[in-house]
């Protein structure tokens, strides 16, 4: 039970034990229930916290006026928000985000890591 149903596999190891594997794709808190003949075992259930996966360059999003319009001599700005491949927001900083603005002149960009998966990219045009 959790934010989304997960794909699970149950394999009889052959020595009286079974191996259960699961692959959650949605970050959140799940409840893991283990049952034998339909009845929960003594220590079941468990709470399992699933965090986001690594940031995805394909699923991450960028927005802001600085994407399409800037006035010479003024600061341009865009916001960059990281998501993993399953579209879970990345909630920590530290990823290597780099920006370049290339045109008639090459302009330096600054990247500010807000330590929560969001970044501000600024440049002076």
Protein backbone atom coordinates (compact mmCIF):
# COMPACT_ATOMS: atom_id res chain seq x y z
CA UNK A 1 0.00 0.00 0.00
CA UNK A 2 1.43 3.41 -0.89
CA UNK A 3 1.39 6.27 -3.39
CA UNK A 4 1.23 3.82 -6.28
CA UNK A 5 0.93 0.05 -6.60
CA UNK A 6 4.35 -1.52 -7.16
CA UNK A 7 5.40 -4.44 -9.31
CA UNK A 8 6.46 -7.31 -7.08
CA UNK A 9 7.87 -10.76 -7.65
CA UNK A 10 7.69 -13.69 -5.25
CA UNK A 11 10.12 -16.57 -5.72
CA UNK A 12 10.21 -19.81 -3.73
CA UNK A 13 13.89 -20.29 -2.90
CA UNK A 14 13.28 -23.99 -2.20
CA UNK A 15 14.64 -24.11 1.34
CA UNK A 16 11.45 -23.06 3.11
CA UNK A 17 11.96 -19.36 2.35
CA UNK A 18 10.66 -17.07 -0.34
CA UNK A 19 12.31 -14.01 -1.85
CA UNK A 20 10.11 -11.00 -2.52
CA UNK A 21 11.44 -8.21 -4.73
CA UNK A 22 9.66 -5.02 -5.67
CA UNK A 23 10.41 -1.95 -7.76
CA UNK A 24 8.57 1.21 -6.66
CA UNK A 25 8.55 4.12 -9.12
CA UNK A 26 6.73 6.75 -7.07
CA UNK A 27 8.46 8.32 -4.07
CA UNK A 28 6.52 8.24 -0.80
CA UNK A 29 5.75 6.11 2.21
CA UNK A 30 4.60 2.55 1.55
CA UNK A 31 3.37 -0.16 3.89
CA UNK A 32 4.87 -3.59 3.33
CA UNK A 33 2.56 -6.44 4.40
CA UNK A 34 3.81 -10.03 4.61
CA UNK A 35 1.24 -12.81 4.90
CA UNK A 36 1.32 -16.59 5.13
CA UNK A 37 -1.86 -18.36 4.00
CA UNK A 38 -3.57 -14.97 3.96
CA UNK A 39 -2.67 -14.11 7.56
CA UNK A 40 -0.09 -11.44 8.49
CA UNK A 41 3.13 -12.63 10.10
CA UNK A 42 3.80 -11.42 13.66
CA UNK A 43 6.00 -8.43 12.77
CA UNK A 44 4.10 -7.31 9.67
CA UNK A 45 3.52 -4.62 8.39
CA UNK A 46 6.58 -2.38 7.90
CA UNK A 47 6.79 1.23 6.80
CA UNK A 48 9.10 1.71 3.81
CA UNK A 49 10.15 5.20 2.70
CA UNK A 50 10.98 5.40 -1.01
CA UNK A 51 12.97 8.46 -2.08
CA UNK A 52 13.46 9.92 -5.55
CA UNK A 53 15.94 8.40 -8.01
CA UNK A 54 18.80 10.33 -9.63
CA UNK A 55 17.94 13.52 -11.49
CA UNK A 56 16.94 13.08 -15.13
CA UNK A 57 17.97 15.59 -17.78
CA UNK A 58 14.91 14.53 -19.81
CA UNK A 59 12.25 14.88 -17.08
CA UNK A 60 13.62 18.02 -15.37
CA UNK A 61 11.90 21.33 -16.16
CA UNK A 62 13.02 24.87 -16.82
CA UNK A 63 10.86 28.02 -16.82
CA UNK A 64 11.07 31.79 -16.66
CA UNK A 65 11.06 34.89 -18.82
CA UNK A 66 14.80 34.60 -19.36
CA UNK A 67 14.22 31.60 -21.62
CA UNK A 68 12.89 33.72 -24.46
CA UNK A 69 13.43 37.40 -23.73
CA UNK A 70 16.19 39.55 -22.24
CA UNK A 71 17.01 43.22 -22.44
CA UNK A 72 20.62 44.30 -23.08
CA UNK A 73 22.40 45.18 -19.84
CA UNK A 74 19.75 43.63 -17.60
CA UNK A 75 19.72 40.44 -15.58
CA UNK A 76 18.05 37.42 -17.21
CA UNK A 77 16.80 34.60 -15.02
CA UNK A 78 15.36 31.11 -15.36
CA UNK A 79 14.30 28.48 -12.83
CA UNK A 80 15.38 24.88 -13.18
CA UNK A 81 13.60 22.10 -11.25
CA UNK A 82 15.02 18.60 -11.14
CA UNK A 83 12.86 15.47 -11.48
CA UNK A 84 13.88 11.81 -11.67
CA UNK A 85 13.00 9.47 -14.54
CA UNK A 86 9.69 8.62 -12.83
CA UNK A 87 8.74 12.32 -12.51
CA UNK A 88 9.34 12.44 -8.75
CA UNK A 89 10.72 15.84 -7.71
CA UNK A 90 14.34 15.73 -6.56
CA UNK A 91 14.28 17.28 -3.08
CA UNK A 92 18.00 17.79 -2.44
CA UNK A 93 20.72 19.86 -4.03
CA UNK A 94 24.23 19.06 -5.11
CA UNK A 95 23.65 17.98 -8.71
CA UNK A 96 26.09 19.35 -11.28
CA UNK A 97 23.95 21.92 -13.12
CA UNK A 98 25.77 24.03 -15.69
CA UNK A 99 24.38 26.68 -18.02
CA UNK A 100 25.79 28.48 -21.06
CA UNK A 101 24.31 31.28 -23.13
CA UNK A 102 25.86 31.33 -26.59
CA UNK A 103 24.96 33.82 -29.34
CA UNK A 104 26.60 36.91 -30.83
CA UNK A 105 28.59 37.01 -27.55
CA UNK A 106 29.23 34.24 -25.07
CA UNK A 107 27.65 35.31 -21.78
CA UNK A 108 28.59 33.96 -18.37
CA UNK A 109 25.81 32.25 -16.44
CA UNK A 110 25.60 31.79 -12.70
CA UNK A 111 23.85 28.79 -11.18
CA UNK A 112 22.47 29.02 -7.65
CA UNK A 113 21.73 25.70 -5.95
CA UNK A 114 18.85 26.15 -3.47
CA UNK A 115 19.67 22.72 -1.93
CA UNK A 116 16.13 21.44 -2.57
CA UNK A 117 16.26 20.29 -6.20
CA UNK A 118 15.67 23.78 -7.59
CA UNK A 119 18.25 26.02 -9.22
CA UNK A 120 18.23 29.62 -10.40
CA UNK A 121 20.24 30.40 -13.51
CA UNK A 122 21.10 34.07 -14.09
CA UNK A 123 22.97 35.95 -16.79
CA UNK A 124 23.49 39.60 -17.76
CA UNK A 125 22.77 40.22 -21.42
